[in-house]
Amino acid sequence: MKQTVNYLLLICTLFAFTCVCVSCDDDEEEYVDYVWTVAPHKVDFIPPVLGEPCGKGYQVTDEKGLTYVVQTIHGFEGIYQEGYEYVICVRYYKKKEIWEDDIAEYHLVKVIECHKTEDSEQ
């Protein structure tokens, strides 16, 4: 009888430990959405580490008026056309672990606005 109680106690302890260690919150990804205006022409992308151009990127202006260049916006590559200015919503997934790659990845959520610019019509 005492041995059965000990086994039952061990099983309950292991079950409680498993419930504490496995949490639904670990599967949820934290993210931030941004609204950007994308310029009608790509520009040189210069990573801070290299200091030299390594391809073209999207020149974007955020809601605060800050302008910078982003090399990739996942889901936007097949939509973007030179000569059109876009207003888009992008999502940035926050890194959970310190050792994760520090390269920012942006994903297109939706195109809010798109119009042909005057300089592309000439």
PDB file of N, CA and C in Angstrom:
ATOM      1  N   MET A   1       0.822  -1.194   0.000  1.00  0.00           N
ATOM      2  CA  MET A   1       0.000   0.000   0.000  1.00  0.00           C
ATOM      3  C   MET A   1       0.868   1.261   0.000  1.00  0.00           C
ATOM      4  N   LYS A   2       1.884   1.242   0.887  1.00  0.00           N
ATOM      5  CA  LYS A   2       2.764   2.407   0.977  1.00  0.00           C
ATOM      6  C   LYS A   2       3.507   2.616  -0.342  1.00  0.00           C
ATOM      7  N   GLN A   3       3.884   1.519  -1.001  1.00  0.00           N
ATOM      8  CA  GLN A   3       4.593   1.621  -2.279  1.00  0.00           C
ATOM      9  C   GLN A   3       3.669   2.211  -3.345  1.00  0.00           C
ATOM     10  N   THR A   4       2.408   1.889  -3.350  1.00  0.00           N
ATOM     11  CA  THR A   4       1.440   2.425  -4.301  1.00  0.00           C
ATOM     12  C   THR A   4       1.273   3.925  -4.096  1.00  0.00           C
ATOM     13  N   VAL A   5       1.237   4.357  -2.842  1.00  0.00           N
ATOM     14  CA  VAL A   5       1.116   5.779  -2.537  1.00  0.00           C
ATOM     15  C   VAL A   5       2.357   6.525  -3.029  1.00  0.00           C
ATOM     16  N   ASN A   6       3.530   5.940  -2.850  1.00  0.00           N
ATOM     17  CA  ASN A   6       4.778   6.565  -3.313  1.00  0.00           C
ATOM     18  C   ASN A   6       4.791   6.707  -4.839  1.00  0.00           C
ATOM     19  N   TYR A   7       4.339   5.654  -5.549  1.00  0.00           N
ATOM     20  CA  TYR A   7       4.273   5.726  -7.007  1.00  0.00           C
ATOM     21  C   TYR A   7       3.273   6.794  -7.455  1.00  0.00           C
ATOM     22  N   LEU A   8       2.144   6.842  -6.777  1.00  0.00           N
ATOM     23  CA  LEU A   8       1.129   7.836  -7.097  1.00  0.00           C
ATOM     24  C   LEU A   8       1.662   9.249  -6.860  1.00  0.00           C
ATOM     25  N   LEU A   9       2.376   9.442  -5.768  1.00  0.00           N
ATOM     26  CA  LEU A   9       2.989  10.735  -5.459  1.00  0.00           C
ATOM     27  C   LEU A   9       4.034  11.109  -6.512  1.00  0.00           C
ATOM     28  N   LEU A  10       4.829  10.133  -6.937  1.00  0.00           N
ATOM     29  CA  LEU A  10       5.840  10.367  -7.968  1.00  0.00           C
ATOM     30  C   LEU A  10       5.181  10.771  -9.291  1.00  0.00           C
ATOM     31  N   ILE A  11       4.128  10.079  -9.669  1.00  0.00           N
ATOM     32  CA  ILE A  11       3.421  10.390 -10.916  1.00  0.00           C
ATOM     33  C   ILE A  11       2.817  11.791 -10.853  1.00  0.00           C
ATOM     34  N   CYS A  12       2.211  12.153  -9.727  1.00  0.00           N
ATOM     35  CA  CYS A  12       1.632  13.491  -9.578  1.00  0.00           C
ATOM     36  C   CYS A  12       2.706  14.565  -9.638  1.00  0.00           C
ATOM     37  N   THR A  13       3.838  14.311  -9.028  1.00  0.00           N
ATOM     38  CA  THR A  13       4.948  15.267  -9.050  1.00  0.00           C
ATOM     39  C   THR A  13       5.460  15.460 -10.478  1.00  0.00           C
ATOM     40  N   LEU A  14       5.645  14.358 -11.207  1.00  0.00           N
ATOM     41  CA  LEU A  14       6.112  14.452 -12.596  1.00  0.00           C
ATOM     42  C   LEU A  14       5.093  15.183 -13.465  1.00  0.00           C
ATOM     43  N   PHE A  15       3.817  14.935 -13.257  1.00  0.00           N
ATOM     44  CA  PHE A  15       2.769  15.618 -14.013  1.00  0.00           C
ATOM     45  C   PHE A  15       2.799  17.118 -13.739  1.00  0.00           C
ATOM     46  N   ALA A  16       2.912  17.499 -12.468  1.00  0.00           N
ATOM     47  CA  ALA A  16       2.967  18.923 -12.107  1.00  0.00           C
ATOM     48  C   ALA A  16       4.203  19.581 -12.713  1.00  0.00           C
ATOM     49  N   PHE A  17       5.343  18.919 -12.661  1.00  0.00           N
ATOM     50  CA  PHE A  17       6.579  19.449 -13.232  1.00  0.00           C
ATOM     51  C   PHE A  17       6.427  19.660 -14.736  1.00  0.00           C
ATOM     52  N   THR A  18       5.812  18.696 -15.418  1.00  0.00           N
ATOM     53  CA  THR A  18       5.594  18.806 -16.857  1.00  0.00           C
ATOM     54  C   THR A  18       4.679  19.983 -17.186  1.00  0.00           C
ATOM     55  N   CYS A  19       3.633  20.177 -16.409  1.00  0.00           N
ATOM     56  CA  CYS A  19       2.706  21.283 -16.647  1.00  0.00           C
ATOM     57  C   CYS A  19       3.391  22.630 -16.464  1.00  0.00           C
ATOM     58  N   VAL A  20       4.292  22.721 -15.509  1.00  0.00           N
ATOM     59  CA  VAL A  20       5.003  23.980 -15.266  1.00  0.00           C
ATOM     60  C   VAL A  20       5.988  24.260 -16.393  1.00  0.00           C
ATOM     61  N   CYS A  21       6.691  23.224 -16.851  1.00  0.00           N
ATOM     62  CA  CYS A  21       7.729  23.409 -17.876  1.00  0.00           C
ATOM     63  C   CYS A  21       7.158  23.647 -19.265  1.00  0.00           C
ATOM     64  N   VAL A  22       6.042  23.048 -19.576  1.00  0.00           N
ATOM     65  CA  VAL A  22       5.433  23.197 -20.893  1.00  0.00           C
ATOM     66  C   VAL A  22       4.314  24.214 -20.774  1.00  0.00           C
ATOM     67  N   SER A  23       4.537  25.371 -21.354  1.00  0.00           N
ATOM     68  CA  SER A  23       3.564  26.446 -21.241  1.00  0.00           C
ATOM     69  C   SER A  23       3.098  26.866 -22.620  1.00  0.00           C
ATOM     70  N   CYS A  24       1.848  27.235 -22.754  1.00  0.00           N
ATOM     71  CA  CYS A  24       1.310  27.703 -24.040  1.00  0.00           C
ATOM     72  C   CYS A  24       1.934  29.033 -24.442  1.00  0.00           C
ATOM     73  N   ASP A  25       2.349  29.833 -23.482  1.00  0.00           N
ATOM     74  CA  ASP A  25       2.907  31.147 -23.778  1.00  0.00           C
ATOM     75  C   ASP A  25       4.201  31.058 -24.568  1.00  0.00           C
ATOM     76  N   ASP A  26       4.932  29.941 -24.469  1.00  0.00           N
ATOM     77  CA  ASP A  26       6.189  29.807 -25.197  1.00  0.00           C
ATOM     78  C   ASP A  26       5.977  29.775 -26.705  1.00  0.00           C
ATOM     79  N   ASP A  27       4.793  29.338 -27.144  1.00  0.00           N
ATOM     80  CA  ASP A  27       4.523  29.231 -28.566  1.00  0.00           C
ATOM     81  C   ASP A  27       4.101  30.561 -29.183  1.00  0.00           C
ATOM     82  N   GLU A  28       3.685  31.511 -28.375  1.00  0.00           N
ATOM     83  CA  GLU A  28       3.225  32.785 -28.894  1.00  0.00           C
ATOM     84  C   GLU A  28       4.416  33.672 -29.239  1.00  0.00           C
ATOM     85  N   GLU A  29       4.395  34.220 -30.432  1.00  0.00           N
ATOM     86  CA  GLU A  29       5.474  35.096 -30.857  1.00  0.00           C
ATOM     87  C   GLU A  29       5.065  36.545 -30.608  1.00  0.00           C
ATOM     88  N   GLU A  30       6.011  37.314 -30.100  1.00  0.00           N
ATOM     89  CA  GLU A  30       5.761  38.736 -29.905  1.00  0.00           C
ATOM     90  C   GLU A  30       6.178  39.463 -31.177  1.00  0.00           C
ATOM     91  N   TYR A  31       5.384  40.467 -31.547  1.00  0.00           N
ATOM     92  CA  TYR A  31       5.691  41.210 -32.763  1.00  0.00           C
ATOM     93  C   TYR A  31       5.262  42.658 -32.615  1.00  0.00           C
ATOM     94  N   VAL A  32       5.774  43.459 -33.543  1.00  0.00           N
ATOM     95  CA  VAL A  32       5.413  44.872 -33.621  1.00  0.00           C
ATOM     96  C   VAL A  32       5.059  45.154 -35.075  1.00  0.00           C
ATOM     97  N   ASP A  33       3.969  45.888 -35.297  1.00  0.00           N
ATOM     98  CA  ASP A  33       3.586  46.287 -36.647  1.00  0.00           C
ATOM     99  C   ASP A  33       4.020  47.731 -36.892  1.00  0.00           C
ATOM    100  N   TYR A  34       4.502  47.988 -38.105  1.00  0.00           N
ATOM    101  CA  TYR A  34       4.906  49.329 -38.508  1.00  0.00           C
ATOM    102  C   TYR A  34       4.187  49.701 -39.797  1.00  0.00           C
ATOM    103  N   VAL A  35       3.931  50.978 -39.984  1.00  0.00           N
ATOM    104  CA  VAL A  35       3.415  51.480 -41.265  1.00  0.00           C
ATOM    105  C   VAL A  35       4.547  52.265 -41.911  1.00  0.00           C
ATOM    106  N   TRP A  36       4.905  51.853 -43.119  1.00  0.00           N
ATOM    107  CA  TRP A  36       6.011  52.474 -43.848  1.00  0.00           C
ATOM    108  C   TRP A  36       5.528  53.001 -45.194  1.00  0.00           C
ATOM    109  N   THR A  37       6.188  54.067 -45.646  1.00  0.00           N
ATOM    110  CA  THR A  37       6.050  54.529 -47.020  1.00  0.00           C
ATOM    111  C   THR A  37       7.297  54.054 -47.747  1.00  0.00           C
ATOM    112  N   VAL A  38       7.098  53.312 -48.828  1.00  0.00           N
ATOM    113  CA  VAL A  38       8.219  52.756 -49.590  1.00  0.00           C
ATOM    114  C   VAL A  38       8.434  53.617 -50.825  1.00  0.00           C
ATOM    115  N   ALA A  39       9.670  54.083 -51.010  1.00  0.00           N
ATOM    116  CA  ALA A  39      10.024  54.937 -52.150  1.00  0.00           C
ATOM    117  C   ALA A  39       9.848  54.181 -53.465  1.00  0.00           C
ATOM    118  N   PRO A  40       9.637  54.918 -54.565  1.00  0.00           N
ATOM    119  CA  PRO A  40       9.374  54.281 -55.861  1.00  0.00           C
ATOM    120  C   PRO A  40      10.597  53.632 -56.524  1.00  0.00           C
ATOM    121  N   HIS A  41      11.778  53.856 -55.979  1.00  0.00           N
ATOM    122  CA  HIS A  41      12.982  53.264 -56.572  1.00  0.00           C
ATOM    123  C   HIS A  41      13.853  52.671 -55.487  1.00  0.00           C
ATOM    124  N   LYS A  42      14.429  51.506 -55.773  1.00  0.00           N
ATOM    125  CA  LYS A  42      15.344  50.882 -54.816  1.00  0.00           C
ATOM    126  C   LYS A  42      16.664  51.653 -54.782  1.00  0.00           C
ATOM    127  N   VAL A  43      17.351  51.552 -53.656  1.00  0.00           N
ATOM    128  CA  VAL A  43      18.639  52.220 -53.468  1.00  0.00           C
ATOM    129  C   VAL A  43      19.654  51.204 -52.954  1.00  0.00           C
ATOM    130  N   ASP A  44      20.925  51.607 -52.914  1.00  0.00           N
ATOM    131  CA  ASP A  44      21.964  50.715 -52.398  1.00  0.00           C
ATOM    132  C   ASP A  44      21.705  50.377 -50.932  1.00  0.00           C
ATOM    133  N   PHE A  45      21.845  49.094 -50.614  1.00  0.00           N
ATOM    134  CA  PHE A  45      21.732  48.627 -49.235  1.00  0.00           C
ATOM    135  C   PHE A  45      23.142  48.468 -48.691  1.00  0.00           C
ATOM    136  N   ILE A  46      23.440  49.189 -47.606  1.00  0.00           N
ATOM    137  CA  ILE A  46      24.772  49.144 -47.005  1.00  0.00           C
ATOM    138  C   ILE A  46      24.642  48.674 -45.558  1.00  0.00           C
ATOM    139  N   PRO A  47      24.956  47.398 -45.294  1.00  0.00           N
ATOM    140  CA  PRO A  47      24.883  46.919 -43.916  1.00  0.00           C
ATOM    141  C   PRO A  47      25.922  47.619 -43.049  1.00  0.00           C
ATOM    142  N   PRO A  48      25.570  47.971 -41.809  1.00  0.00           N
ATOM    143  CA  PRO A  48      26.503  48.675 -40.931  1.00  0.00           C
ATOM    144  C   PRO A  48      27.808  47.920 -40.712  1.00  0.00           C
ATOM    145  N   VAL A  49      27.751  46.596 -40.732  1.00  0.00           N
ATOM    146  CA  VAL A  49      28.952  45.802 -40.476  1.00  0.00           C
ATOM    147  C   VAL A  49      29.939  45.894 -41.625  1.00  0.00           C
ATOM    148  N   LEU A  50      29.428  45.905 -42.858  1.00  0.00           N
ATOM    149  CA  LEU A  50      30.313  45.918 -44.025  1.00  0.00           C
ATOM    150  C   LEU A  50      30.730  47.320 -44.430  1.00  0.00           C
ATOM    151  N   GLY A  51      29.799  48.264 -44.387  1.00  0.00           N
ATOM    152  CA  GLY A  51      30.113  49.625 -44.791  1.00  0.00           C
ATOM    153  C   GLY A  51      30.190  49.803 -46.295  1.00  0.00           C
ATOM    154  N   GLU A  52      29.887  48.746 -47.040  1.00  0.00           N
ATOM    155  CA  GLU A  52      29.893  48.802 -48.502  1.00  0.00           C
ATOM    156  C   GLU A  52      28.568  48.258 -49.027  1.00  0.00           C
ATOM    157  N   PRO A  53      28.116  48.748 -50.188  1.00  0.00           N
ATOM    158  CA  PRO A  53      26.850  48.241 -50.747  1.00  0.00           C
ATOM    159  C   PRO A  53      26.917  46.742 -51.035  1.00  0.00           C
ATOM    160  N   CYS A  54      25.841  46.054 -50.735  1.00  0.00           N
ATOM    161  CA  CYS A  54      25.778  44.623 -51.067  1.00  0.00           C
ATOM    162  C   CYS A  54      24.418  44.308 -51.683  1.00  0.00           C
ATOM    163  N   GLY A  55      24.019  45.125 -52.622  1.00  0.00           N
ATOM    164  CA  GLY A  55      22.744  44.907 -53.294  1.00  0.00           C
ATOM    165  C   GLY A  55      21.830  46.108 -53.124  1.00  0.00           C
ATOM    166  N   LYS A  56      20.619  45.943 -53.601  1.00  0.00           N
ATOM    167  CA  LYS A  56      19.622  47.009 -53.525  1.00  0.00           C
ATOM    168  C   LYS A  56      18.646  46.724 -52.396  1.00  0.00           C
ATOM    169  N   GLY A  57      18.030  47.785 -51.885  1.00  0.00           N
ATOM    170  CA  GLY A  57      17.041  47.644 -50.827  1.00  0.00           C
ATOM    171  C   GLY A  57      15.929  48.654 -50.992  1.00  0.00           C
ATOM    172  N   TYR A  58      14.913  48.498 -50.168  1.00  0.00           N
ATOM    173  CA  TYR A  58      13.767  49.406 -50.182  1.00  0.00           C
ATOM    174  C   TYR A  58      14.043  50.591 -49.276  1.00  0.00           C
ATOM    175  N   GLN A  59      13.893  51.793 -49.805  1.00  0.00           N
ATOM    176  CA  GLN A  59      14.023  52.992 -48.975  1.00  0.00           C
ATOM    177  C   GLN A  59      12.657  53.238 -48.349  1.00  0.00           C
ATOM    178  N   VAL A  60      12.612  53.163 -47.012  1.00  0.00           N
ATOM    179  CA  VAL A  60      11.331  53.291 -46.315  1.00  0.00           C
ATOM    180  C   VAL A  60      11.372  54.476 -45.357  1.00  0.00           C
ATOM    181  N   THR A  61      10.209  55.073 -45.156  1.00  0.00           N
ATOM    182  CA  THR A  61      10.053  56.152 -44.188  1.00  0.00           C
ATOM    183  C   THR A  61       8.976  55.709 -43.216  1.00  0.00           C
ATOM    184  N   ASP A  62       9.304  55.764 -41.923  1.00  0.00           N
ATOM    185  CA  ASP A  62       8.338  55.304 -40.929  1.00  0.00           C
ATOM    186  C   ASP A  62       7.393  56.424 -40.504  1.00  0.00           C
ATOM    187  N   GLU A  63       6.528  56.125 -39.559  1.00  0.00           N
ATOM    188  CA  GLU A  63       5.503  57.075 -39.117  1.00  0.00           C
ATOM    189  C   GLU A  63       6.101  58.308 -38.436  1.00  0.00           C
ATOM    190  N   LYS A  64       7.343  58.184 -37.950  1.00  0.00           N
ATOM    191  CA  LYS A  64       8.007  59.307 -37.283  1.00  0.00           C
ATOM    192  C   LYS A  64       8.806  60.162 -38.253  1.00  0.00           C
ATOM    193  N   GLY A  65       8.831  59.747 -39.528  1.00  0.00           N
ATOM    194  CA  GLY A  65       9.568  60.502 -40.535  1.00  0.00           C
ATOM    195  C   GLY A  65      11.010  60.064 -40.702  1.00  0.00           C
ATOM    196  N   LEU A  66      11.422  58.999 -40.006  1.00  0.00           N
ATOM    197  CA  LEU A  66      12.783  58.482 -40.149  1.00  0.00           C
ATOM    198  C   LEU A  66      12.877  57.639 -41.412  1.00  0.00           C
ATOM    199  N   THR A  67      13.945  57.844 -42.180  1.00  0.00           N
ATOM    200  CA  THR A  67      14.138  57.124 -43.433  1.00  0.00           C
ATOM    201  C   THR A  67      15.353  56.223 -43.321  1.00  0.00           C
ATOM    202  N   TYR A  68      15.202  54.979 -43.781  1.00  0.00           N
ATOM    203  CA  TYR A  68      16.302  54.031 -43.794  1.00  0.00           C
ATOM    204  C   TYR A  68      16.069  53.018 -44.892  1.00  0.00           C
ATOM    205  N   VAL A  69      17.023  52.099 -45.071  1.00  0.00           N
ATOM    206  CA  VAL A  69      16.951  51.126 -46.158  1.00  0.00           C
ATOM    207  C   VAL A  69      16.832  49.726 -45.567  1.00  0.00           C
ATOM    208  N   VAL A  70      15.873  48.973 -46.088  1.00  0.00           N
ATOM    209  CA  VAL A  70      15.633  47.593 -45.660  1.00  0.00           C
ATOM    210  C   VAL A  70      15.878  46.699 -46.865  1.00  0.00           C
ATOM    211  N   GLN A  71      16.699  45.678 -46.679  1.00  0.00           N
ATOM    212  CA  GLN A  71      17.041  44.837 -47.821  1.00  0.00           C
ATOM    213  C   GLN A  71      15.884  43.934 -48.252  1.00  0.00           C
ATOM    214  N   THR A  72      15.162  43.363 -47.290  1.00  0.00           N
ATOM    215  CA  THR A  72      14.114  42.404 -47.622  1.00  0.00           C
ATOM    216  C   THR A  72      12.855  42.657 -46.814  1.00  0.00           C
ATOM    217  N   ILE A  73      11.717  42.572 -47.485  1.00  0.00           N
ATOM    218  CA  ILE A  73      10.415  42.570 -46.826  1.00  0.00           C
ATOM    219  C   ILE A  73       9.707  41.333 -47.359  1.00  0.00           C
ATOM    220  N   HIS A  74       9.640  40.295 -46.538  1.00  0.00           N
ATOM    221  CA  HIS A  74       9.052  39.030 -46.982  1.00  0.00           C
ATOM    222  C   HIS A  74       7.599  39.232 -47.413  1.00  0.00           C
ATOM    223  N   GLY A  75       7.269  38.725 -48.596  1.00  0.00           N
ATOM    224  CA  GLY A  75       5.925  38.840 -49.124  1.00  0.00           C
ATOM    225  C   GLY A  75       5.703  40.082 -49.973  1.00  0.00           C
ATOM    226  N   PHE A  76       6.678  40.978 -50.006  1.00  0.00           N
ATOM    227  CA  PHE A  76       6.543  42.224 -50.765  1.00  0.00           C
ATOM    228  C   PHE A  76       7.293  42.150 -52.091  1.00  0.00           C
ATOM    229  N   GLU A  77       8.268  41.239 -52.176  1.00  0.00           N
ATOM    230  CA  GLU A  77       9.107  41.148 -53.370  1.00  0.00           C
ATOM    231  C   GLU A  77       8.298  40.928 -54.642  1.00  0.00           C
ATOM    232  N   GLY A  78       7.265  40.109 -54.576  1.00  0.00           N
ATOM    233  CA  GLY A  78       6.461  39.810 -55.757  1.00  0.00           C
ATOM    234  C   GLY A  78       5.442  40.888 -56.097  1.00  0.00           C
ATOM    235  N   ILE A  79       5.254  41.836 -55.202  1.00  0.00           N
ATOM    236  CA  ILE A  79       4.273  42.908 -55.391  1.00  0.00           C
ATOM    237  C   ILE A  79       4.935  44.196 -55.881  1.00  0.00           C
ATOM    238  N   TYR A  80       6.115  44.487 -55.344  1.00  0.00           N
ATOM    239  CA  TYR A  80       6.795  45.757 -55.600  1.00  0.00           C
ATOM    240  C   TYR A  80       7.096  45.955 -57.077  1.00  0.00           C
ATOM    241  N   GLN A  81       6.802  47.170 -57.579  1.00  0.00           N
ATOM    242  CA  GLN A  81       7.168  47.568 -58.938  1.00  0.00           C
ATOM    243  C   GLN A  81       7.835  48.935 -58.862  1.00  0.00           C
ATOM    244  N   GLU A  82       8.963  49.065 -59.542  1.00  0.00           N
ATOM    245  CA  GLU A  82       9.652  50.356 -59.604  1.00  0.00           C
ATOM    246  C   GLU A  82       8.696  51.397 -60.176  1.00  0.00           C
ATOM    247  N   GLY A  83       8.764  52.625 -59.669  1.00  0.00           N
ATOM    248  CA  GLY A  83       7.930  53.706 -60.173  1.00  0.00           C
ATOM    249  C   GLY A  83       6.632  53.891 -59.397  1.00  0.00           C
ATOM    250  N   TYR A  84       6.385  53.013 -58.440  1.00  0.00           N
ATOM    251  CA  TYR A  84       5.189  53.127 -57.605  1.00  0.00           C
ATOM    252  C   TYR A  84       5.608  53.363 -56.161  1.00  0.00           C
ATOM    253  N   GLU A  85       4.898  54.267 -55.502  1.00  0.00           N
ATOM    254  CA  GLU A  85       5.131  54.497 -54.080  1.00  0.00           C
ATOM    255  C   GLU A  85       4.072  53.702 -53.313  1.00  0.00           C
ATOM    256  N   TYR A  86       4.495  53.029 -52.277  1.00  0.00           N
ATOM    257  CA  TYR A  86       3.600  52.178 -51.497  1.00  0.00           C
ATOM    258  C   TYR A  86       3.532  52.664 -50.057  1.00  0.00           C
ATOM    259  N   VAL A  87       2.376  52.492 -49.461  1.00  0.00           N
ATOM    260  CA  VAL A  87       2.234  52.600 -48.017  1.00  0.00           C
ATOM    261  C   VAL A  87       1.846  51.198 -47.582  1.00  0.00           C
ATOM    262  N   ILE A  88       2.680  50.602 -46.717  1.00  0.00           N
ATOM    263  CA  ILE A  88       2.458  49.213 -46.332  1.00  0.00           C
ATOM    264  C   ILE A  88       2.504  49.057 -44.815  1.00  0.00           C
ATOM    265  N   CYS A  89       1.914  47.991 -44.357  1.00  0.00           N
ATOM    266  CA  CYS A  89       2.019  47.600 -42.955  1.00  0.00           C
ATOM    267  C   CYS A  89       2.916  46.371 -42.920  1.00  0.00           C
ATOM    268  N   VAL A  90       3.976  46.426 -42.117  1.00  0.00           N
ATOM    269  CA  VAL A  90       4.893  45.294 -41.973  1.00  0.00           C
ATOM    270  C   VAL A  90       4.911  44.844 -40.522  1.00  0.00           C
ATOM    271  N   ARG A  91       5.291  43.595 -40.336  1.00  0.00           N
ATOM    272  CA  ARG A  91       5.374  43.027 -38.990  1.00  0.00           C
ATOM    273  C   ARG A  91       6.802  42.586 -38.724  1.00  0.00           C
ATOM    274  N   TYR A  92       7.316  42.991 -37.571  1.00  0.00           N
ATOM    275  CA  TYR A  92       8.647  42.589 -37.114  1.00  0.00           C
ATOM    276  C   TYR A  92       8.462  41.669 -35.920  1.00  0.00           C
ATOM    277  N   TYR A  93       8.974  40.438 -36.034  1.00  0.00           N
ATOM    278  CA  TYR A  93       8.888  39.489 -34.930  1.00  0.00           C
ATOM    279  C   TYR A  93      10.079  39.680 -34.009  1.00  0.00           C
ATOM    280  N   LYS A  94       9.792  39.920 -32.734  1.00  0.00           N
ATOM    281  CA  LYS A  94      10.851  40.141 -31.757  1.00  0.00           C
ATOM    282  C   LYS A  94      11.597  38.833 -31.497  1.00  0.00           C
ATOM    283  N   LYS A  95      12.895  38.949 -31.315  1.00  0.00           N
ATOM    284  CA  LYS A  95      13.724  37.795 -31.022  1.00  0.00           C
ATOM    285  C   LYS A  95      13.520  37.395 -29.560  1.00  0.00           C
ATOM    286  N   LYS A  96      13.367  36.086 -29.323  1.00  0.00           N
ATOM    287  CA  LYS A  96      13.159  35.610 -27.955  1.00  0.00           C
ATOM    288  C   LYS A  96      14.477  35.270 -27.266  1.00  0.00           C
ATOM    289  N   GLU A  97      15.415  34.791 -28.037  1.00  0.00           N
ATOM    290  CA  GLU A  97      16.661  34.319 -27.451  1.00  0.00           C
ATOM    291  C   GLU A  97      17.810  35.253 -27.810  1.00  0.00           C
ATOM    292  N   ILE A  98      18.711  35.405 -26.902  1.00  0.00           N
ATOM    293  CA  ILE A  98      19.862  36.285 -27.110  1.00  0.00           C
ATOM    294  C   ILE A  98      20.713  35.805 -28.283  1.00  0.00           C
ATOM    295  N   TRP A  99      20.840  34.497 -28.447  1.00  0.00           N
ATOM    296  CA  TRP A  99      21.728  33.956 -29.467  1.00  0.00           C
ATOM    297  C   TRP A  99      21.093  33.891 -30.854  1.00  0.00           C
ATOM    298  N   GLU A 100      19.837  34.282 -31.004  1.00  0.00           N
ATOM    299  CA  GLU A 100      19.211  34.276 -32.324  1.00  0.00           C
ATOM    300  C   GLU A 100      19.876  35.306 -33.234  1.00  0.00           C
ATOM    301  N   ASP A 101      19.822  35.029 -34.524  1.00  0.00           N
ATOM    302  CA  ASP A 101      20.393  35.926 -35.526  1.00  0.00           C
ATOM    303  C   ASP A 101      19.824  37.335 -35.338  1.00  0.00           C
ATOM    304  N   ASP A 102      20.691  38.318 -35.380  1.00  0.00           N
ATOM    305  CA  ASP A 102      20.288  39.695 -35.083  1.00  0.00           C
ATOM    306  C   ASP A 102      19.778  40.451 -36.308  1.00  0.00           C
ATOM    307  N   ILE A 103      19.687  39.788 -37.457  1.00  0.00           N
ATOM    308  CA  ILE A 103      19.201  40.451 -38.658  1.00  0.00           C
ATOM    309  C   ILE A 103      17.688  40.603 -38.545  1.00  0.00           C
ATOM    310  N   ALA A 104      17.214  41.815 -38.698  1.00  0.00           N
ATOM    311  CA  ALA A 104      15.779  42.079 -38.587  1.00  0.00           C
ATOM    312  C   ALA A 104      15.053  41.483 -39.783  1.00  0.00           C
ATOM    313  N   GLU A 105      13.942  40.820 -39.520  1.00  0.00           N
ATOM    314  CA  GLU A 105      13.115  40.274 -40.590  1.00  0.00           C
ATOM    315  C   GLU A 105      11.754  40.927 -40.528  1.00  0.00           C
ATOM    316  N   TYR A 106      11.364  41.499 -41.660  1.00  0.00           N
ATOM    317  CA  TYR A 106      10.079  42.165 -41.764  1.00  0.00           C
ATOM    318  C   TYR A 106       9.197  41.381 -42.726  1.00  0.00           C
ATOM    319  N   HIS A 107       7.922  41.266 -42.378  1.00  0.00           N
ATOM    320  CA  HIS A 107       6.962  40.527 -43.186  1.00  0.00           C
ATOM    321  C   HIS A 107       5.798  41.444 -43.540  1.00  0.00           C
ATOM    322  N   LEU A 108       5.414  41.431 -44.807  1.00  0.00           N
ATOM    323  CA  LEU A 108       4.300  42.249 -45.264  1.00  0.00           C
ATOM    324  C   LEU A 108       3.007  41.757 -44.628  1.00  0.00           C
ATOM    325  N   VAL A 109       2.253  42.680 -44.038  1.00  0.00           N
ATOM    326  CA  VAL A 109       0.933  42.367 -43.504  1.00  0.00           C
ATOM    327  C   VAL A 109      -0.108  42.732 -44.555  1.00  0.00           C
ATOM    328  N   LYS A 110       0.001  43.974 -45.080  1.00  0.00           N
ATOM    329  CA  LYS A 110      -0.911  44.398 -46.149  1.00  0.00           C
ATOM    330  C   LYS A 110      -0.388  45.649 -46.832  1.00  0.00           C
ATOM    331  N   VAL A 111      -0.833  45.828 -48.079  1.00  0.00           N
ATOM    332  CA  VAL A 111      -0.568  47.060 -48.818  1.00  0.00           C
ATOM    333  C   VAL A 111      -1.744  47.979 -48.530  1.00  0.00           C
ATOM    334  N   ILE A 112      -1.452  49.143 -47.968  1.00  0.00           N
ATOM    335  CA  ILE A 112      -2.503  50.101 -47.623  1.00  0.00           C
ATOM    336  C   ILE A 112      -2.822  51.000 -48.808  1.00  0.00           C
ATOM    337  N   GLU A 113      -1.762  51.396 -49.528  1.00  0.00           N
ATOM    338  CA  GLU A 113      -1.931  52.334 -50.639  1.00  0.00           C
ATOM    339  C   GLU A 113      -0.821  52.105 -51.652  1.00  0.00           C
ATOM    340  N   CYS A 114      -1.124  52.348 -52.910  1.00  0.00           N
ATOM    341  CA  CYS A 114      -0.136  52.226 -53.974  1.00  0.00           C
ATOM    342  C   CYS A 114      -0.505  53.208 -55.076  1.00  0.00           C
ATOM    343  N   HIS A 115       0.461  54.035 -55.495  1.00  0.00           N
ATOM    344  CA  HIS A 115       0.176  54.942 -56.611  1.00  0.00           C
ATOM    345  C   HIS A 115       1.446  55.175 -57.420  1.00  0.00           C
ATOM    346  N   LYS A 116       1.236  55.394 -58.711  1.00  0.00           N
ATOM    347  CA  LYS A 116       2.345  55.647 -59.637  1.00  0.00           C
ATOM    348  C   LYS A 116       2.859  57.061 -59.380  1.00  0.00           C
ATOM    349  N   THR A 117       4.166  57.216 -59.346  1.00  0.00           N
ATOM    350  CA  THR A 117       4.739  58.548 -59.099  1.00  0.00           C
ATOM    351  C   THR A 117       4.905  59.298 -60.406  1.00  0.00           C
ATOM    352  N   GLU A 118       4.964  60.616 -60.303  1.00  0.00           N
ATOM    353  CA  GLU A 118       5.069  61.462 -61.491  1.00  0.00           C
ATOM    354  C   GLU A 118       6.357  61.227 -62.256  1.00  0.00           C
ATOM    355  N   ASP A 119       7.473  61.030 -61.562  1.00  0.00           N
ATOM    356  CA  ASP A 119       8.753  60.862 -62.267  1.00  0.00           C
ATOM    357  C   ASP A 119       8.795  59.556 -63.056  1.00  0.00           C
ATOM    358  N   SER A 120       7.962  58.585 -62.735  1.00  0.00           N
ATOM    359  CA  SER A 120       7.954  57.328 -63.477  1.00  0.00           C
ATOM    360  C   SER A 120       7.064  57.428 -64.722  1.00  0.00           C
ATOM    361  N   GLU A 121       6.211  58.424 -64.823  1.00  0.00           N
ATOM    362  CA  GLU A 121       5.301  58.554 -65.966  1.00  0.00           C
ATOM    363  C   GLU A 121       5.964  59.246 -67.147  1.00  0.00           C
ATOM    364  N   GLN A 122       7.145  59.821 -66.960  1.00  0.00           N
ATOM    365  CA  GLN A 122       7.809  60.562 -68.045  1.00  0.00           C
ATOM    366  C   GLN A 122       8.586  59.645 -68.953  1.00  0.00           C
TER     367      GLN A 122
END
